[in-house]
Amino acid sequence: MNRLIVIGLTALAPAIWGTTYIVTTSLLPDGDPLSLAALRALPAGLILLLVVRRLPPASQLGRIVLLGGLNFTLFWACLFLAAYRLPGGIAATVGAIQPLIVLLLARKVLNEPIRAVAVAAAFVGLIGVALLVLGPEAGLDPVGIAAGLAGAASMAAGTVYSRKWRGETPLLTFTAWQLTAGGLLLLPAAWSFGSALPPMNLDSLAGLVWLTLIGAALSYVLWFNGVGRLAPSTVSSMGFLSPLVAVSTGWLLLGESLSPVQLSGAALVLGGVCAATHSAPSADAARPRIATSPGSLGQPNASRRQEKSLTSPTDRPEPLSCPE
């Protein structure tokens, strides 16, 4: 798959995540965030499992459960705690440190060099997010700051180890089981600390369907596809697009105003993302090739076709298209 296409598809994932704010505030009723997170992750994973109907390799089960905990359970729990304890601007800015953590982890775990351009792009994006979302009401809360940092570290570790551990597991299977594991791990927290959701109308159901099918199932298929094909620093820098899209949709759809400072921040965010994506080499050459599965014996190019596509919805060797 052409690298520019991979970059564009991967960038769609954080752009979709940026719509969470407007969907939640405009369509969903007030409810417990942990319950909503579980309802977002678990159904998305189960739907993908109905499509793939396949177990991951036995050697991968423990790793996939751990990745589901890092990418979904711990990350979303910390995200919600930080959102409750901090103003939105501070929470987003603390979370924007993730690309820097990814650079350090990728150096340690994947032995990837730390490039000056990647570091500069991460700092530019971080400053851009701060200008974009920080307001005069910003304040510091130690618990909220710790939760924000823990969430950023959790997602960073999930990104790096997803790159390292995917191995021969097909993309849809890899995504489906992570979402399912993350949702199942969220259930005890939602049960213990959450509250019952209020009755939902058609708008609420539409919002939940969007967050589940598009905001979780589709977006994470695209995200993990990019994690496997692009350098970790490139993928993580695209996370800056989430607050940019959140602010932009508020401006376009809710009539919220944008100050010159915010516009400067938006320009820095785009500059940081462009610098990170255009300066980094592709990770395809360094990625281990997916082994030929037992079902594709005698078809040496089957696994390569799987890798080049977003994988078939049934994870069979024949390439079928899959949307994000």
Protein backbone atom coordinates (compact mmCIF):
# COMPACT_ATOMS: atom_id res chain seq x y z
CA MET A 1 0.00 0.00 0.00
CA ASN A 2 1.33 3.46 -0.92
CA ARG A 3 2.82 5.23 2.09
CA LEU A 4 0.79 8.42 1.55
CA ILE A 5 -2.41 6.36 1.53
CA VAL A 6 -1.37 4.66 4.76
CA ILE A 7 -0.65 8.06 6.34
CA GLY A 8 -4.01 9.40 5.22
CA LEU A 9 -5.93 6.38 6.51
CA THR A 10 -4.06 6.42 9.82
CA ALA A 11 -4.72 10.13 10.26
CA LEU A 12 -8.43 9.46 9.93
CA ALA A 13 -8.39 7.58 13.25
CA PRO A 14 -7.47 10.53 15.54
CA ALA A 15 -9.62 12.79 13.38
CA ILE A 16 -12.58 10.50 14.11
CA TRP A 17 -11.68 10.46 17.80
CA GLY A 18 -11.82 14.25 17.70
CA THR A 19 -15.57 14.03 17.01
CA THR A 20 -16.14 12.29 20.36
CA TYR A 21 -16.63 15.61 22.16
CA ILE A 22 -19.37 16.95 19.91
CA VAL A 23 -21.12 13.56 19.62
CA THR A 24 -21.07 13.07 23.39
CA THR A 25 -22.26 16.56 24.28
CA SER A 26 -24.81 16.87 21.47
CA LEU A 27 -26.32 13.39 21.23
CA LEU A 28 -25.61 11.31 24.32
CA PRO A 29 -27.39 11.79 27.65
CA ASP A 30 -25.42 12.61 30.76
CA GLY A 31 -24.03 9.35 32.07
CA ASP A 32 -21.06 7.69 33.61
CA PRO A 33 -17.99 7.90 31.33
CA LEU A 34 -16.69 4.46 32.33
CA SER A 35 -20.00 2.87 31.38
CA LEU A 36 -19.98 4.71 28.07
CA ALA A 37 -16.38 3.60 27.47
CA ALA A 38 -17.30 -0.04 28.10
CA LEU A 39 -20.31 0.31 25.80
CA ARG A 40 -18.02 1.75 23.17
CA ALA A 41 -15.21 -0.82 23.31
CA LEU A 42 -16.95 -4.12 24.00
CA PRO A 43 -19.69 -4.00 21.31
CA ALA A 44 -17.10 -2.82 18.76
CA GLY A 45 -14.88 -5.78 19.60
CA LEU A 46 -17.76 -8.26 19.51
CA ILE A 47 -18.95 -6.94 16.13
CA LEU A 48 -15.46 -7.37 14.68
CA LEU A 49 -15.27 -10.86 16.21
CA LEU A 50 -18.50 -11.77 14.42
CA VAL A 51 -16.81 -10.68 11.21
CA VAL A 52 -13.47 -12.43 11.67
CA ARG A 53 -14.67 -15.48 13.68
CA ARG A 54 -11.11 -16.38 14.47
CA LEU A 55 -8.94 -16.85 17.55
CA PRO A 56 -5.51 -15.24 17.66
CA PRO A 57 -2.52 -17.56 17.98
CA ALA A 58 -2.36 -19.05 21.48
CA SER A 59 1.02 -17.43 22.02
CA GLN A 60 -0.55 -14.01 21.41
CA LEU A 61 -3.50 -14.24 23.81
CA GLY A 62 -1.71 -12.86 26.85
CA ARG A 63 -0.14 -10.07 24.85
CA ILE A 64 -3.44 -9.08 23.26
CA VAL A 65 -5.13 -8.92 26.68
CA LEU A 66 -2.28 -6.73 27.94
CA LEU A 67 -2.51 -4.49 24.86
CA GLY A 68 -6.27 -4.20 25.29
CA GLY A 69 -5.66 -3.09 28.86
CA LEU A 70 -3.07 -0.51 27.78
CA ASN A 71 -4.85 0.86 24.69
CA PHE A 72 -8.38 0.89 26.09
CA THR A 73 -8.95 0.03 29.76
CA LEU A 74 -6.16 1.97 31.46
CA PHE A 75 -6.01 4.70 28.82
CA TRP A 76 -9.73 5.50 28.87
CA ALA A 77 -9.97 5.25 32.67
CA CYS A 78 -7.08 7.70 33.09
CA LEU A 79 -8.49 9.92 30.36
CA PHE A 80 -11.85 10.22 32.10
CA LEU A 81 -10.25 10.81 35.51
CA ALA A 82 -8.06 13.56 34.07
CA ALA A 83 -11.08 15.11 32.33
CA TYR A 84 -12.98 15.23 35.63
CA ARG A 85 -10.07 16.63 37.66
CA LEU A 86 -8.67 19.08 35.12
CA PRO A 87 -10.03 21.70 32.73
CA GLY A 88 -10.26 20.29 29.23
CA GLY A 89 -7.33 22.35 27.95
CA ILE A 90 -4.96 21.13 30.63
CA ALA A 91 -6.07 17.50 30.16
CA ALA A 92 -5.50 17.69 26.40
CA THR A 93 -2.11 19.34 26.83
CA VAL A 94 -0.92 16.74 29.33
CA GLY A 95 -2.08 13.99 26.98
CA ALA A 96 -0.18 15.61 24.13
CA ILE A 97 3.11 14.52 25.73
CA GLN A 98 2.44 11.03 24.36
CA PRO A 99 4.59 11.39 21.19
CA LEU A 100 7.63 12.20 23.33
CA ILE A 101 7.03 9.09 25.44
CA VAL A 102 6.67 7.05 22.24
CA LEU A 103 10.07 8.27 21.03
CA LEU A 104 11.74 7.07 24.24
CA LEU A 105 9.91 3.73 24.30
CA ALA A 106 10.59 3.07 20.61
CA ARG A 107 14.28 3.65 21.25
CA LYS A 108 14.28 1.18 24.14
CA VAL A 109 11.85 -1.46 22.83
CA LEU A 110 12.30 -1.29 19.04
CA ASN A 111 15.87 0.07 18.96
CA GLU A 112 14.75 2.95 16.75
CA PRO A 113 16.97 6.04 16.72
CA ILE A 114 15.67 9.26 18.24
CA ARG A 115 15.72 11.76 15.41
CA ALA A 116 16.03 15.49 16.06
CA VAL A 117 13.23 16.21 13.58
CA ALA A 118 10.85 13.87 15.42
CA VAL A 119 11.65 15.50 18.78
CA ALA A 120 11.17 18.97 17.32
CA ALA A 121 7.88 17.95 15.69
CA ALA A 122 6.63 16.52 19.01
CA PHE A 123 7.42 19.75 20.85
CA VAL A 124 5.86 21.89 18.11
CA GLY A 125 2.68 19.82 18.23
CA LEU A 126 2.61 19.98 22.03
CA ILE A 127 2.90 23.77 21.99
CA GLY A 128 0.25 23.92 19.28
CA VAL A 129 -2.21 21.87 21.36
CA ALA A 130 -1.54 24.10 24.37
CA LEU A 131 -2.29 27.25 22.35
CA LEU A 132 -5.32 25.61 20.80
CA VAL A 133 -7.08 24.43 23.95
CA LEU A 134 -5.70 26.21 27.02
CA GLY A 135 -7.88 28.94 28.50
CA PRO A 136 -7.73 31.37 31.41
CA GLU A 137 -9.57 28.89 33.63
CA ALA A 138 -6.71 26.39 33.39
CA GLY A 139 -5.60 25.06 36.76
CA LEU A 140 -3.47 22.26 38.08
CA ASP A 141 -4.63 19.30 40.14
CA PRO A 142 -1.97 16.72 41.13
CA VAL A 143 -4.29 13.73 40.77
CA GLY A 144 -5.55 14.94 37.41
CA ILE A 145 -2.02 15.62 36.15
CA ALA A 146 -0.89 12.14 37.29
CA ALA A 147 -3.89 10.55 35.55
CA GLY A 148 -3.19 12.47 32.36
CA LEU A 149 0.45 11.40 32.35
CA ALA A 150 -0.48 7.79 33.12
CA GLY A 151 -2.99 7.79 30.26
CA ALA A 152 -0.42 9.20 27.84
CA ALA A 153 2.14 6.60 28.95
CA SER A 154 -0.43 3.80 28.62
CA MET A 155 -1.38 4.75 25.06
CA ALA A 156 2.29 5.25 24.15
CA ALA A 157 3.18 1.80 25.46
CA GLY A 158 0.19 0.31 23.65
CA THR A 159 1.31 1.90 20.39
CA VAL A 160 4.91 0.71 20.64
CA TYR A 161 4.13 -2.81 21.81
CA SER A 162 1.35 -3.20 19.24
CA ARG A 163 4.04 -2.54 16.65
CA LYS A 164 6.35 -5.09 18.29
CA TRP A 165 3.87 -7.85 19.15
CA ARG A 166 1.39 -8.06 16.31
CA GLY A 167 3.48 -10.71 14.57
CA GLU A 168 1.44 -13.02 12.35
CA THR A 169 -1.95 -12.02 13.78
CA PRO A 170 -4.19 -10.58 11.02
CA LEU A 171 -5.16 -6.95 11.45
CA LEU A 172 -8.89 -7.40 12.06
CA THR A 173 -8.32 -10.25 14.49
CA PHE A 174 -5.70 -8.21 16.31
CA THR A 175 -8.05 -5.23 16.61
CA ALA A 176 -11.17 -7.25 17.48
CA TRP A 177 -9.58 -9.10 20.39
CA GLN A 178 -7.94 -5.97 21.79
CA LEU A 179 -11.24 -4.11 21.80
CA THR A 180 -13.02 -7.08 23.36
CA ALA A 181 -10.37 -7.52 26.04
CA GLY A 182 -10.33 -3.80 26.79
CA GLY A 183 -14.12 -3.70 27.05
CA LEU A 184 -14.26 -6.74 29.31
CA LEU A 185 -11.61 -5.25 31.58
CA LEU A 186 -13.62 -2.02 31.75
CA LEU A 187 -16.78 -3.79 32.92
CA PRO A 188 -15.72 -4.29 36.58
CA ALA A 189 -14.71 -0.62 36.88
CA ALA A 190 -17.97 0.51 35.28
CA TRP A 191 -19.94 -1.83 37.55
CA SER A 192 -18.13 -0.73 40.71
CA PHE A 193 -17.74 2.99 40.14
CA GLY A 194 -20.20 3.77 37.37
CA SER A 195 -23.87 4.60 37.37
CA ALA A 196 -26.80 3.36 35.34
CA LEU A 197 -27.24 5.05 32.00
CA PRO A 198 -30.42 7.07 31.55
CA PRO A 199 -32.97 6.05 28.90
CA MET A 200 -31.77 6.64 25.34
CA ASN A 201 -33.71 8.15 22.46
CA LEU A 202 -32.95 7.84 18.76
CA ASP A 203 -30.35 10.60 18.89
CA SER A 204 -28.58 8.88 21.77
CA LEU A 205 -28.58 5.56 19.97
CA ALA A 206 -27.24 7.21 16.82
CA GLY A 207 -24.43 8.80 18.84
CA LEU A 208 -23.57 5.48 20.48
CA VAL A 209 -23.57 3.70 17.12
CA TRP A 210 -21.18 6.33 15.76
CA LEU A 211 -18.82 5.99 18.72
CA THR A 212 -18.94 2.18 18.57
CA LEU A 213 -18.80 1.40 14.84
CA ILE A 214 -16.86 4.41 13.57
CA GLY A 215 -15.15 5.80 16.67
CA ALA A 216 -13.92 2.41 17.90
CA ALA A 217 -14.17 -0.49 15.42
CA LEU A 218 -13.30 1.36 12.22
CA SER A 219 -10.88 3.90 13.69
CA TYR A 220 -8.80 1.32 15.52
CA VAL A 221 -8.54 -0.90 12.45
CA LEU A 222 -7.01 2.10 10.69
CA TRP A 223 -4.88 2.99 13.70
CA PHE A 224 -3.34 -0.46 14.14
CA ASN A 225 -2.81 -0.72 10.39
CA GLY A 226 -0.75 2.47 10.63
CA VAL A 227 1.06 1.27 13.76
CA GLY A 228 2.26 -1.76 11.82
CA ARG A 229 3.33 0.17 8.71
CA LEU A 230 4.67 3.53 9.90
CA ALA A 231 7.32 4.56 12.37
CA PRO A 232 5.89 4.91 15.92
CA SER A 233 6.87 8.59 16.06
CA THR A 234 4.88 9.21 12.88
CA VAL A 235 1.77 7.46 14.16
CA SER A 236 1.82 9.05 17.62
CA SER A 237 2.22 12.56 16.21
CA MET A 238 -1.12 12.14 14.44
CA GLY A 239 -2.78 12.13 17.86
CA PHE A 240 -2.41 15.93 17.78
CA LEU A 241 -5.22 15.92 15.21
CA SER A 242 -7.81 14.90 17.84
CA PRO A 243 -7.92 18.21 19.75
CA LEU A 244 -7.64 20.06 16.44
CA VAL A 245 -10.73 18.30 15.05
CA ALA A 246 -12.57 18.71 18.37
CA VAL A 247 -12.02 22.48 18.34
CA SER A 248 -12.78 22.71 14.61
CA THR A 249 -16.10 20.86 14.88
CA GLY A 250 -17.11 23.09 17.78
CA TRP A 251 -16.39 26.09 15.58
CA LEU A 252 -18.14 24.70 12.50
CA LEU A 253 -21.18 23.07 14.09
CA LEU A 254 -21.69 24.82 17.42
CA GLY A 255 -20.70 28.35 16.46
CA GLU A 256 -17.82 28.49 18.94
CA SER A 257 -15.31 31.25 18.28
CA LEU A 258 -11.62 30.80 17.51
CA SER A 259 -9.11 33.35 18.76
CA PRO A 260 -5.92 34.31 16.91
CA VAL A 261 -3.96 32.35 19.53
CA GLN A 262 -6.02 29.23 18.80
CA LEU A 263 -5.51 29.68 15.07
CA SER A 264 -1.76 29.91 15.68
CA GLY A 265 -1.99 26.72 17.71
CA ALA A 266 -3.85 24.98 14.89
CA ALA A 267 -1.11 25.99 12.46
CA LEU A 268 1.57 24.61 14.80
CA VAL A 269 -0.34 21.34 15.21
CA LEU A 270 -0.54 20.88 11.46
CA GLY A 271 3.12 21.84 11.10
CA GLY A 272 4.18 19.33 13.73
CA VAL A 273 2.16 16.52 12.16
CA CYS A 274 3.48 17.30 8.67
CA ALA A 275 7.08 17.42 9.90
CA ALA A 276 6.72 14.08 11.69
CA THR A 277 4.99 12.29 8.80
CA HIS A 278 7.16 13.55 5.97
CA SER A 279 10.53 13.17 7.66
CA ALA A 280 10.17 9.65 9.06
CA PRO A 281 11.02 6.54 7.03
CA SER A 282 8.43 3.87 6.46
CA ALA A 283 8.38 1.07 9.00
CA ASP A 284 7.42 -1.55 6.41
CA ALA A 285 11.00 -2.51 5.69
CA ALA A 286 11.75 -3.14 9.35
CA ARG A 287 8.53 -4.98 10.11
CA PRO A 288 8.75 -8.76 10.28
CA ARG A 289 6.86 -10.42 7.49
CA ILE A 290 3.66 -12.18 8.48
CA ALA A 291 4.08 -15.93 8.24
CA THR A 292 1.92 -17.89 5.85
CA SER A 293 -1.07 -19.27 7.72
CA PRO A 294 -2.00 -22.96 7.59
CA GLY A 295 -5.03 -22.07 5.49
CA SER A 296 -2.87 -20.51 2.79
CA LEU A 297 -0.34 -23.30 2.22
CA GLY A 298 0.70 -23.38 -1.37
CA GLN A 299 -0.18 -19.66 -1.71
CA PRO A 300 3.08 -17.90 -0.79
CA ASN A 301 1.70 -14.45 -1.54
CA ALA A 302 -1.45 -14.80 0.56
CA SER A 303 -0.05 -13.31 3.74
CA ARG A 304 1.55 -10.50 1.78
CA ARG A 305 -1.84 -9.68 0.23
CA GLN A 306 -3.33 -9.64 3.72
CA GLU A 307 -0.61 -7.28 4.90
CA LYS A 308 -1.01 -4.91 1.99
CA SER A 309 -4.75 -4.61 2.44
CA LEU A 310 -6.65 -3.74 5.58
CA THR A 311 -7.26 -7.51 5.66
CA SER A 312 -10.34 -9.32 4.54
CA PRO A 313 -13.42 -9.07 6.79
CA THR A 314 -13.24 -12.83 7.21
CA ASP A 315 -9.44 -12.90 7.53
CA ARG A 316 -9.27 -15.35 4.61
CA PRO A 317 -6.40 -14.97 2.15
CA GLU A 318 -8.46 -13.40 -0.66
CA PRO A 319 -8.22 -9.57 -0.41
CA LEU A 320 -11.52 -7.84 0.27
CA SER A 321 -11.83 -4.15 1.03
CA CYS A 322 -12.55 -2.90 4.55
CA PRO A 323 -13.63 0.64 5.51
CA GLU A 324 -12.42 2.69 8.64
